Amino acid sequence: TFVDHSALKLGKIAIEASIKAEEKKK
């Protein structure tokens, strides 16, 4: 299978979600 370089930018959404989840921790 092939992965387009523009699709990789969508990984930023997952990264931002991980940052928010980590920031919510006490």
mmCIF file of all heavy atoms, coordinates in Angstrom:
data_MODEL
# 
_entry.id   MODEL 
# 
loop_
_atom_site.group_PDB 
_atom_site.id 
_atom_site.type_symbol 
_atom_site.label_atom_id 
_atom_site.label_alt_id 
_atom_site.label_comp_id 
_atom_site.label_asym_id 
_atom_site.label_entity_id 
_atom_site.label_seq_id 
_atom_site.pdbx_PDB_ins_code 
_atom_site.Cartn_x 
_atom_site.Cartn_y 
_atom_site.Cartn_z 
_atom_site.occupancy 
_atom_site.B_iso_or_equiv 
_atom_site.pdbx_formal_charge 
_atom_site.auth_seq_id 
_atom_site.auth_comp_id 
_atom_site.auth_asym_id 
_atom_site.auth_atom_id 
_atom_site.pdbx_PDB_model_num 
ATOM 1   N N   . THR A 1 1  ? 0.861   -1.185 0.000  1.00 0.00 ? 1  THR A N   1 
ATOM 2   C CA  . THR A 1 1  ? 0.000   0.000  0.000  1.00 0.00 ? 1  THR A CA  1 
ATOM 3   C C   . THR A 1 1  ? 0.892   1.228  0.000  1.00 0.00 ? 1  THR A C   1 
ATOM 4   O O   . THR A 1 1  ? 2.080   1.152  0.365  1.00 0.00 ? 1  THR A O   1 
ATOM 5   C CB  . THR A 1 1  ? -0.939  0.018  1.208  1.00 0.00 ? 1  THR A CB  1 
ATOM 6   O OG1 . THR A 1 1  ? -1.913  1.056  1.044  1.00 0.00 ? 1  THR A OG1 1 
ATOM 7   C CG2 . THR A 1 1  ? -0.178  0.297  2.501  1.00 0.00 ? 1  THR A CG2 1 
ATOM 8   N N   . PHE A 1 2  ? 0.330   2.334  -0.439 1.00 0.00 ? 2  PHE A N   1 
ATOM 9   C CA  . PHE A 1 2  ? 1.069   3.593  -0.505 1.00 0.00 ? 2  PHE A CA  1 
ATOM 10  C C   . PHE A 1 2  ? 0.443   4.598  0.447  1.00 0.00 ? 2  PHE A C   1 
ATOM 11  O O   . PHE A 1 2  ? -0.770  4.593  0.663  1.00 0.00 ? 2  PHE A O   1 
ATOM 12  C CB  . PHE A 1 2  ? 1.053   4.157  -1.929 1.00 0.00 ? 2  PHE A CB  1 
ATOM 13  C CG  . PHE A 1 2  ? 1.782   3.300  -2.927 1.00 0.00 ? 2  PHE A CG  1 
ATOM 14  C CD1 . PHE A 1 2  ? 1.092   2.387  -3.705 1.00 0.00 ? 2  PHE A CD1 1 
ATOM 15  C CD2 . PHE A 1 2  ? 3.156   3.406  -3.087 1.00 0.00 ? 2  PHE A CD2 1 
ATOM 16  C CE1 . PHE A 1 2  ? 1.749   1.593  -4.634 1.00 0.00 ? 2  PHE A CE1 1 
ATOM 17  C CE2 . PHE A 1 2  ? 3.818   2.626  -4.009 1.00 0.00 ? 2  PHE A CE2 1 
ATOM 18  C CZ  . PHE A 1 2  ? 3.119   1.715  -4.784 1.00 0.00 ? 2  PHE A CZ  1 
ATOM 19  N N   . VAL A 1 3  ? 1.281   5.461  0.983  1.00 0.00 ? 3  VAL A N   1 
ATOM 20  C CA  . VAL A 1 3  ? 0.820   6.519  1.886  1.00 0.00 ? 3  VAL A CA  1 
ATOM 21  C C   . VAL A 1 3  ? 1.257   7.855  1.305  1.00 0.00 ? 3  VAL A C   1 
ATOM 22  O O   . VAL A 1 3  ? 2.459   8.097  1.113  1.00 0.00 ? 3  VAL A O   1 
ATOM 23  C CB  . VAL A 1 3  ? 1.386   6.342  3.309  1.00 0.00 ? 3  VAL A CB  1 
ATOM 24  C CG1 . VAL A 1 3  ? 0.857   7.446  4.225  1.00 0.00 ? 3  VAL A CG1 1 
ATOM 25  C CG2 . VAL A 1 3  ? 1.029   4.972  3.863  1.00 0.00 ? 3  VAL A CG2 1 
ATOM 26  N N   . ASP A 1 4  ? 0.296   8.697  1.005  1.00 0.00 ? 4  ASP A N   1 
ATOM 27  C CA  . ASP A 1 4  ? 0.581   9.992  0.399  1.00 0.00 ? 4  ASP A CA  1 
ATOM 28  C C   . ASP A 1 4  ? 1.121   10.961 1.445  1.00 0.00 ? 4  ASP A C   1 
ATOM 29  O O   . ASP A 1 4  ? 0.682   10.958 2.603  1.00 0.00 ? 4  ASP A O   1 
ATOM 30  C CB  . ASP A 1 4  ? -0.703  10.543 -0.227 1.00 0.00 ? 4  ASP A CB  1 
ATOM 31  C CG  . ASP A 1 4  ? -0.455  11.848 -0.954 1.00 0.00 ? 4  ASP A CG  1 
ATOM 32  O OD1 . ASP A 1 4  ? 0.238   11.828 -1.985 1.00 0.00 ? 4  ASP A OD1 1 
ATOM 33  O OD2 . ASP A 1 4  ? -0.943  12.881 -0.479 1.00 0.00 ? 4  ASP A OD2 1 
ATOM 34  N N   . HIS A 1 5  ? 2.065   11.811 1.031  1.00 0.00 ? 5  HIS A N   1 
ATOM 35  C CA  . HIS A 1 5  ? 2.693   12.736 1.981  1.00 0.00 ? 5  HIS A CA  1 
ATOM 36  C C   . HIS A 1 5  ? 1.676   13.690 2.596  1.00 0.00 ? 5  HIS A C   1 
ATOM 37  O O   . HIS A 1 5  ? 1.801   14.083 3.765  1.00 0.00 ? 5  HIS A O   1 
ATOM 38  C CB  . HIS A 1 5  ? 3.805   13.535 1.296  1.00 0.00 ? 5  HIS A CB  1 
ATOM 39  C CG  . HIS A 1 5  ? 3.319   14.447 0.223  1.00 0.00 ? 5  HIS A CG  1 
ATOM 40  N ND1 . HIS A 1 5  ? 2.956   15.753 0.448  1.00 0.00 ? 5  HIS A ND1 1 
ATOM 41  C CD2 . HIS A 1 5  ? 3.123   14.245 -1.101 1.00 0.00 ? 5  HIS A CD2 1 
ATOM 42  C CE1 . HIS A 1 5  ? 2.555   16.300 -0.677 1.00 0.00 ? 5  HIS A CE1 1 
ATOM 43  N NE2 . HIS A 1 5  ? 2.648   15.418 -1.642 1.00 0.00 ? 5  HIS A NE2 1 
ATOM 44  N N   . SER A 1 6  ? 0.649   14.058 1.839  1.00 0.00 ? 6  SER A N   1 
ATOM 45  C CA  . SER A 1 6  ? -0.350  14.972 2.396  1.00 0.00 ? 6  SER A CA  1 
ATOM 46  C C   . SER A 1 6  ? -1.176  14.298 3.481  1.00 0.00 ? 6  SER A C   1 
ATOM 47  O O   . SER A 1 6  ? -1.616  14.951 4.431  1.00 0.00 ? 6  SER A O   1 
ATOM 48  C CB  . SER A 1 6  ? -1.271  15.484 1.281  1.00 0.00 ? 6  SER A CB  1 
ATOM 49  O OG  . SER A 1 6  ? -1.936  14.406 0.642  1.00 0.00 ? 6  SER A OG  1 
ATOM 50  N N   . ALA A 1 7  ? -1.363  12.970 3.344  1.00 0.00 ? 7  ALA A N   1 
ATOM 51  C CA  . ALA A 1 7  ? -2.115  12.249 4.371  1.00 0.00 ? 7  ALA A CA  1 
ATOM 52  C C   . ALA A 1 7  ? -1.351  12.215 5.689  1.00 0.00 ? 7  ALA A C   1 
ATOM 53  O O   . ALA A 1 7  ? -1.954  12.162 6.770  1.00 0.00 ? 7  ALA A O   1 
ATOM 54  C CB  . ALA A 1 7  ? -2.416  10.829 3.899  1.00 0.00 ? 7  ALA A CB  1 
ATOM 55  N N   . LEU A 1 8  ? -0.018  12.261 5.602  1.00 0.00 ? 8  LEU A N   1 
ATOM 56  C CA  . LEU A 1 8  ? 0.778   12.233 6.827  1.00 0.00 ? 8  LEU A CA  1 
ATOM 57  C C   . LEU A 1 8  ? 0.544   13.476 7.675  1.00 0.00 ? 8  LEU A C   1 
ATOM 58  O O   . LEU A 1 8  ? 0.715   13.445 8.898  1.00 0.00 ? 8  LEU A O   1 
ATOM 59  C CB  . LEU A 1 8  ? 2.258   12.106 6.485  1.00 0.00 ? 8  LEU A CB  1 
ATOM 60  C CG  . LEU A 1 8  ? 2.673   10.793 5.804  1.00 0.00 ? 8  LEU A CG  1 
ATOM 61  C CD1 . LEU A 1 8  ? 4.135   10.858 5.405  1.00 0.00 ? 8  LEU A CD1 1 
ATOM 62  C CD2 . LEU A 1 8  ? 2.428   9.622  6.726  1.00 0.00 ? 8  LEU A CD2 1 
ATOM 63  N N   . LYS A 1 9  ? 0.178   14.569 7.029  1.00 0.00 ? 9  LYS A N   1 
ATOM 64  C CA  . LYS A 1 9  ? -0.094  15.778 7.796  1.00 0.00 ? 9  LYS A CA  1 
ATOM 65  C C   . LYS A 1 9  ? -1.283  15.590 8.735  1.00 0.00 ? 9  LYS A C   1 
ATOM 66  O O   . LYS A 1 9  ? -1.429  16.311 9.725  1.00 0.00 ? 9  LYS A O   1 
ATOM 67  C CB  . LYS A 1 9  ? -0.330  16.960 6.853  1.00 0.00 ? 9  LYS A CB  1 
ATOM 68  C CG  . LYS A 1 9  ? 0.936   17.418 6.127  1.00 0.00 ? 9  LYS A CG  1 
ATOM 69  C CD  . LYS A 1 9  ? 0.691   18.678 5.337  1.00 0.00 ? 9  LYS A CD  1 
ATOM 70  C CE  . LYS A 1 9  ? 1.978   19.170 4.681  1.00 0.00 ? 9  LYS A CE  1 
ATOM 71  N NZ  . LYS A 1 9  ? 2.988   19.598 5.670  1.00 0.00 ? 9  LYS A NZ  1 
ATOM 72  N N   . LEU A 1 10 ? -2.152  14.629 8.389  1.00 0.00 ? 10 LEU A N   1 
ATOM 73  C CA  . LEU A 1 10 ? -3.281  14.367 9.274  1.00 0.00 ? 10 LEU A CA  1 
ATOM 74  C C   . LEU A 1 10 ? -2.819  13.812 10.615 1.00 0.00 ? 10 LEU A C   1 
ATOM 75  O O   . LEU A 1 10 ? -3.562  13.836 11.591 1.00 0.00 ? 10 LEU A O   1 
ATOM 76  C CB  . LEU A 1 10 ? -4.250  13.384 8.604  1.00 0.00 ? 10 LEU A CB  1 
ATOM 77  C CG  . LEU A 1 10 ? -4.911  13.878 7.310  1.00 0.00 ? 10 LEU A CG  1 
ATOM 78  C CD1 . LEU A 1 10 ? -5.780  12.782 6.712  1.00 0.00 ? 10 LEU A CD1 1 
ATOM 79  C CD2 . LEU A 1 10 ? -5.734  15.133 7.570  1.00 0.00 ? 10 LEU A CD2 1 
ATOM 80  N N   . GLY A 1 11 ? -1.572  13.296 10.625 1.00 0.00 ? 11 GLY A N   1 
ATOM 81  C CA  . GLY A 1 11 ? -1.038  12.804 11.896 1.00 0.00 ? 11 GLY A CA  1 
ATOM 82  C C   . GLY A 1 11 ? -0.921  13.903 12.930 1.00 0.00 ? 11 GLY A C   1 
ATOM 83  O O   . GLY A 1 11 ? -0.894  13.622 14.132 1.00 0.00 ? 11 GLY A O   1 
ATOM 84  N N   . LYS A 1 12 ? -0.863  15.143 12.474 1.00 0.00 ? 12 LYS A N   1 
ATOM 85  C CA  . LYS A 1 12 ? -0.788  16.248 13.416 1.00 0.00 ? 12 LYS A CA  1 
ATOM 86  C C   . LYS A 1 12 ? -2.038  16.315 14.285 1.00 0.00 ? 12 LYS A C   1 
ATOM 87  O O   . LYS A 1 12 ? -1.976  16.714 15.455 1.00 0.00 ? 12 LYS A O   1 
ATOM 88  C CB  . LYS A 1 12 ? -0.595  17.566 12.662 1.00 0.00 ? 12 LYS A CB  1 
ATOM 89  C CG  . LYS A 1 12 ? -0.406  18.769 13.576 1.00 0.00 ? 12 LYS A CG  1 
ATOM 90  C CD  . LYS A 1 12 ? -0.213  20.048 12.782 1.00 0.00 ? 12 LYS A CD  1 
ATOM 91  C CE  . LYS A 1 12 ? -0.094  21.237 13.722 1.00 0.00 ? 12 LYS A CE  1 
ATOM 92  N NZ  . LYS A 1 12 ? 0.052   22.515 12.999 1.00 0.00 ? 12 LYS A NZ  1 
ATOM 93  N N   . ILE A 1 13 ? -3.165  15.912 13.731 1.00 0.00 ? 13 ILE A N   1 
ATOM 94  C CA  . ILE A 1 13 ? -4.410  15.902 14.513 1.00 0.00 ? 13 ILE A CA  1 
ATOM 95  C C   . ILE A 1 13 ? -4.277  14.947 15.692 1.00 0.00 ? 13 ILE A C   1 
ATOM 96  O O   . ILE A 1 13 ? -4.667  15.262 16.832 1.00 0.00 ? 13 ILE A O   1 
ATOM 97  C CB  . ILE A 1 13 ? -5.601  15.508 13.619 1.00 0.00 ? 13 ILE A CB  1 
ATOM 98  C CG1 . ILE A 1 13 ? -5.770  16.535 12.489 1.00 0.00 ? 13 ILE A CG1 1 
ATOM 99  C CG2 . ILE A 1 13 ? -6.883  15.384 14.435 1.00 0.00 ? 13 ILE A CG2 1 
ATOM 100 C CD1 . ILE A 1 13 ? -6.842  16.159 11.487 1.00 0.00 ? 13 ILE A CD1 1 
ATOM 101 N N   . ALA A 1 14 ? -3.712  13.750 15.425 1.00 0.00 ? 14 ALA A N   1 
ATOM 102 C CA  . ALA A 1 14 ? -3.522  12.777 16.503 1.00 0.00 ? 14 ALA A CA  1 
ATOM 103 C C   . ALA A 1 14 ? -2.525  13.294 17.536 1.00 0.00 ? 14 ALA A C   1 
ATOM 104 O O   . ALA A 1 14 ? -2.698  13.088 18.747 1.00 0.00 ? 14 ALA A O   1 
ATOM 105 C CB  . ALA A 1 14 ? -3.049  11.446 15.914 1.00 0.00 ? 14 ALA A CB  1 
ATOM 106 N N   . ILE A 1 15 ? -1.481  13.986 17.068 1.00 0.00 ? 15 ILE A N   1 
ATOM 107 C CA  . ILE A 1 15 ? -0.487  14.529 17.993 1.00 0.00 ? 15 ILE A CA  1 
ATOM 108 C C   . ILE A 1 15 ? -1.114  15.596 18.884 1.00 0.00 ? 15 ILE A C   1 
ATOM 109 O O   . ILE A 1 15 ? -0.888  15.614 20.112 1.00 0.00 ? 15 ILE A O   1 
ATOM 110 C CB  . ILE A 1 15 ? 0.702   15.106 17.200 1.00 0.00 ? 15 ILE A CB  1 
ATOM 111 C CG1 . ILE A 1 15 ? 1.466   13.980 16.508 1.00 0.00 ? 15 ILE A CG1 1 
ATOM 112 C CG2 . ILE A 1 15 ? 1.633   15.907 18.110 1.00 0.00 ? 15 ILE A CG2 1 
ATOM 113 C CD1 . ILE A 1 15 ? 2.562   14.457 15.589 1.00 0.00 ? 15 ILE A CD1 1 
ATOM 114 N N   . GLU A 1 16 ? -1.894  16.477 18.286 1.00 0.00 ? 16 GLU A N   1 
ATOM 115 C CA  . GLU A 1 16 ? -2.543  17.520 19.073 1.00 0.00 ? 16 GLU A CA  1 
ATOM 116 C C   . GLU A 1 16 ? -3.509  16.916 20.091 1.00 0.00 ? 16 GLU A C   1 
ATOM 117 O O   . GLU A 1 16 ? -3.632  17.425 21.217 1.00 0.00 ? 16 GLU A O   1 
ATOM 118 C CB  . GLU A 1 16 ? -3.272  18.487 18.150 1.00 0.00 ? 16 GLU A CB  1 
ATOM 119 C CG  . GLU A 1 16 ? -2.312  19.343 17.316 1.00 0.00 ? 16 GLU A CG  1 
ATOM 120 C CD  . GLU A 1 16 ? -3.040  20.165 16.269 1.00 0.00 ? 16 GLU A CD  1 
ATOM 121 O OE1 . GLU A 1 16 ? -4.215  19.833 15.980 1.00 0.00 ? 16 GLU A OE1 1 
ATOM 122 O OE2 . GLU A 1 16 ? -2.449  21.135 15.737 1.00 0.00 ? 16 GLU A OE2 1 
ATOM 123 N N   . ALA A 1 17 ? -4.199  15.831 19.713 1.00 0.00 ? 17 ALA A N   1 
ATOM 124 C CA  . ALA A 1 17 ? -5.089  15.158 20.658 1.00 0.00 ? 17 ALA A CA  1 
ATOM 125 C C   . ALA A 1 17 ? -4.295  14.560 21.823 1.00 0.00 ? 17 ALA A C   1 
ATOM 126 O O   . ALA A 1 17 ? -4.729  14.618 22.985 1.00 0.00 ? 17 ALA A O   1 
ATOM 127 C CB  . ALA A 1 17 ? -5.888  14.075 19.947 1.00 0.00 ? 17 ALA A CB  1 
ATOM 128 N N   . SER A 1 18 ? -3.128  14.004 21.527 1.00 0.00 ? 18 SER A N   1 
ATOM 129 C CA  . SER A 1 18 ? -2.285  13.437 22.585 1.00 0.00 ? 18 SER A CA  1 
ATOM 130 C C   . SER A 1 18 ? -1.779  14.527 23.523 1.00 0.00 ? 18 SER A C   1 
ATOM 131 O O   . SER A 1 18 ? -1.689  14.323 24.743 1.00 0.00 ? 18 SER A O   1 
ATOM 132 C CB  . SER A 1 18 ? -1.094  12.691 21.964 1.00 0.00 ? 18 SER A CB  1 
ATOM 133 O OG  . SER A 1 18 ? -1.540  11.614 21.171 1.00 0.00 ? 18 SER A OG  1 
ATOM 134 N N   . ILE A 1 19 ? -1.441  15.692 22.961 1.00 0.00 ? 19 ILE A N   1 
ATOM 135 C CA  . ILE A 1 19 ? -0.987  16.809 23.799 1.00 0.00 ? 19 ILE A CA  1 
ATOM 136 C C   . ILE A 1 19 ? -2.089  17.244 24.757 1.00 0.00 ? 19 ILE A C   1 
ATOM 137 O O   . ILE A 1 19 ? -1.855  17.442 25.963 1.00 0.00 ? 19 ILE A O   1 
ATOM 138 C CB  . ILE A 1 19 ? -0.535  17.987 22.912 1.00 0.00 ? 19 ILE A CB  1 
ATOM 139 C CG1 . ILE A 1 19 ? 0.724   17.607 22.126 1.00 0.00 ? 19 ILE A CG1 1 
ATOM 140 C CG2 . ILE A 1 19 ? -0.283  19.228 23.758 1.00 0.00 ? 19 ILE A CG2 1 
ATOM 141 C CD1 . ILE A 1 19 ? 1.145   18.648 21.103 1.00 0.00 ? 19 ILE A CD1 1 
ATOM 142 N N   . LYS A 1 20 ? -3.313  17.376 24.243 1.00 0.00 ? 20 LYS A N   1 
ATOM 143 C CA  . LYS A 1 20 ? -4.435  17.789 25.094 1.00 0.00 ? 20 LYS A CA  1 
ATOM 144 C C   . LYS A 1 20 ? -4.712  16.769 26.179 1.00 0.00 ? 20 LYS A C   1 
ATOM 145 O O   . LYS A 1 20 ? -4.999  17.125 27.341 1.00 0.00 ? 20 LYS A O   1 
ATOM 146 C CB  . LYS A 1 20 ? -5.672  18.016 24.235 1.00 0.00 ? 20 LYS A CB  1 
ATOM 147 C CG  . LYS A 1 20 ? -5.585  19.239 23.327 1.00 0.00 ? 20 LYS A CG  1 
ATOM 148 C CD  . LYS A 1 20 ? -6.851  19.396 22.500 1.00 0.00 ? 20 LYS A CD  1 
ATOM 149 C CE  . LYS A 1 20 ? -6.760  20.624 21.588 1.00 0.00 ? 20 LYS A CE  1 
ATOM 150 N NZ  . LYS A 1 20 ? -7.978  20.789 20.751 1.00 0.00 ? 20 LYS A NZ  1 
ATOM 151 N N   . ALA A 1 21 ? -4.621  15.492 25.813 1.00 0.00 ? 21 ALA A N   1 
ATOM 152 C CA  . ALA A 1 21 ? -4.871  14.445 26.808 1.00 0.00 ? 21 ALA A CA  1 
ATOM 153 C C   . ALA A 1 21 ? -3.824  14.478 27.911 1.00 0.00 ? 21 ALA A C   1 
ATOM 154 O O   . ALA A 1 21 ? -4.133  14.285 29.096 1.00 0.00 ? 21 ALA A O   1 
ATOM 155 C CB  . ALA A 1 21 ? -4.896  13.083 26.126 1.00 0.00 ? 21 ALA A CB  1 
ATOM 156 N N   . GLU A 1 22 ? -2.587  14.736 27.530 1.00 0.00 ? 22 GLU A N   1 
ATOM 157 C CA  . GLU A 1 22 ? -1.511  14.776 28.513 1.00 0.00 ? 22 GLU A CA  1 
ATOM 158 C C   . GLU A 1 22 ? -1.632  16.009 29.399 1.00 0.00 ? 22 GLU A C   1 
ATOM 159 O O   . GLU A 1 22 ? -1.359  15.957 30.616 1.00 0.00 ? 22 GLU A O   1 
ATOM 160 C CB  . GLU A 1 22 ? -0.162  14.773 27.785 1.00 0.00 ? 22 GLU A CB  1 
ATOM 161 C CG  . GLU A 1 22 ? 1.044   14.479 28.666 1.00 0.00 ? 22 GLU A CG  1 
ATOM 162 C CD  . GLU A 1 22 ? 1.033   13.064 29.214 1.00 0.00 ? 22 GLU A CD  1 
ATOM 163 O OE1 . GLU A 1 22 ? 0.574   12.145 28.501 1.00 0.00 ? 22 GLU A OE1 1 
ATOM 164 O OE2 . GLU A 1 22 ? 1.476   12.894 30.378 1.00 0.00 ? 22 GLU A OE2 1 
ATOM 165 N N   . GLU A 1 23 ? -2.055  17.130 28.811 1.00 0.00 ? 23 GLU A N   1 
ATOM 166 C CA  . GLU A 1 23 ? -2.187  18.362 29.588 1.00 0.00 ? 23 GLU A CA  1 
ATOM 167 C C   . GLU A 1 23 ? -3.311  18.281 30.616 1.00 0.00 ? 23 GLU A C   1 
ATOM 168 O O   . GLU A 1 23 ? -3.296  18.992 31.628 1.00 0.00 ? 23 GLU A O   1 
ATOM 169 C CB  . GLU A 1 23 ? -2.424  19.544 28.644 1.00 0.00 ? 23 GLU A CB  1 
ATOM 170 C CG  . GLU A 1 23 ? -1.179  19.938 27.858 1.00 0.00 ? 23 GLU A CG  1 
ATOM 171 C CD  . GLU A 1 23 ? -1.452  21.057 26.866 1.00 0.00 ? 23 GLU A CD  1 
ATOM 172 O OE1 . GLU A 1 23 ? -2.645  21.221 26.514 1.00 0.00 ? 23 GLU A OE1 1 
ATOM 173 O OE2 . GLU A 1 23 ? -0.500  21.749 26.447 1.00 0.00 ? 23 GLU A OE2 1 
ATOM 174 N N   . LYS A 1 24 ? -4.284  17.427 30.368 1.00 0.00 ? 24 LYS A N   1 
ATOM 175 C CA  . LYS A 1 24 ? -5.398  17.289 31.304 1.00 0.00 ? 24 LYS A CA  1 
ATOM 176 C C   . LYS A 1 24 ? -5.039  16.487 32.551 1.00 0.00 ? 24 LYS A C   1 
ATOM 177 O O   . LYS A 1 24 ? -5.779  16.507 33.535 1.00 0.00 ? 24 LYS A O   1 
ATOM 178 C CB  . LYS A 1 24 ? -6.590  16.624 30.598 1.00 0.00 ? 24 LYS A CB  1 
ATOM 179 C CG  . LYS A 1 24 ? -7.277  17.523 29.573 1.00 0.00 ? 24 LYS A CG  1 
ATOM 180 C CD  . LYS A 1 24 ? -8.446  16.795 28.925 1.00 0.00 ? 24 LYS A CD  1 
ATOM 181 C CE  . LYS A 1 24 ? -9.139  17.684 27.897 1.00 0.00 ? 24 LYS A CE  1 
ATOM 182 N NZ  . LYS A 1 24 ? -10.276 16.979 27.231 1.00 0.00 ? 24 LYS A NZ  1 
ATOM 183 N N   . LYS A 1 25 ? -3.925  15.790 32.491 1.00 0.00 ? 25 LYS A N   1 
ATOM 184 C CA  . LYS A 1 25 ? -3.522  14.987 33.638 1.00 0.00 ? 25 LYS A CA  1 
ATOM 185 C C   . LYS A 1 25 ? -3.107  15.890 34.803 1.00 0.00 ? 25 LYS A C   1 
ATOM 186 O O   . LYS A 1 25 ? -2.621  17.002 34.611 1.00 0.00 ? 25 LYS A O   1 
ATOM 187 C CB  . LYS A 1 25 ? -2.376  14.052 33.250 1.00 0.00 ? 25 LYS A CB  1 
ATOM 188 C CG  . LYS A 1 25 ? -2.782  12.985 32.243 1.00 0.00 ? 25 LYS A CG  1 
ATOM 189 C CD  . LYS A 1 25 ? -1.609  12.087 31.889 1.00 0.00 ? 25 LYS A CD  1 
ATOM 190 C CE  . LYS A 1 25 ? -2.021  11.021 30.892 1.00 0.00 ? 25 LYS A CE  1 
ATOM 191 N NZ  . LYS A 1 25 ? -0.884  10.141 30.515 1.00 0.00 ? 25 LYS A NZ  1 
ATOM 192 N N   . LYS A 1 26 ? -3.271  15.393 36.007 1.00 0.00 ? 26 LYS A N   1 
ATOM 193 C CA  . LYS A 1 26 ? -2.979  16.161 37.218 1.00 0.00 ? 26 LYS A CA  1 
ATOM 194 C C   . LYS A 1 26 ? -1.608  15.817 37.779 1.00 0.00 ? 26 LYS A C   1 
ATOM 195 O O   . LYS A 1 26 ? -1.173  14.669 37.727 1.00 0.00 ? 26 LYS A O   1 
ATOM 196 C CB  . LYS A 1 26 ? -4.040  15.872 38.286 1.00 0.00 ? 26 LYS A CB  1 
ATOM 197 C CG  . LYS A 1 26 ? -5.470  16.125 37.832 1.00 0.00 ? 26 LYS A CG  1 
ATOM 198 C CD  . LYS A 1 26 ? -5.766  17.598 37.708 1.00 0.00 ? 26 LYS A CD  1 
ATOM 199 C CE  . LYS A 1 26 ? -7.257  17.816 37.383 1.00 0.00 ? 26 LYS A CE  1 
ATOM 200 N NZ  . LYS A 1 26 ? -7.587  19.244 37.259 1.00 0.00 ? 26 LYS A NZ  1 
# 
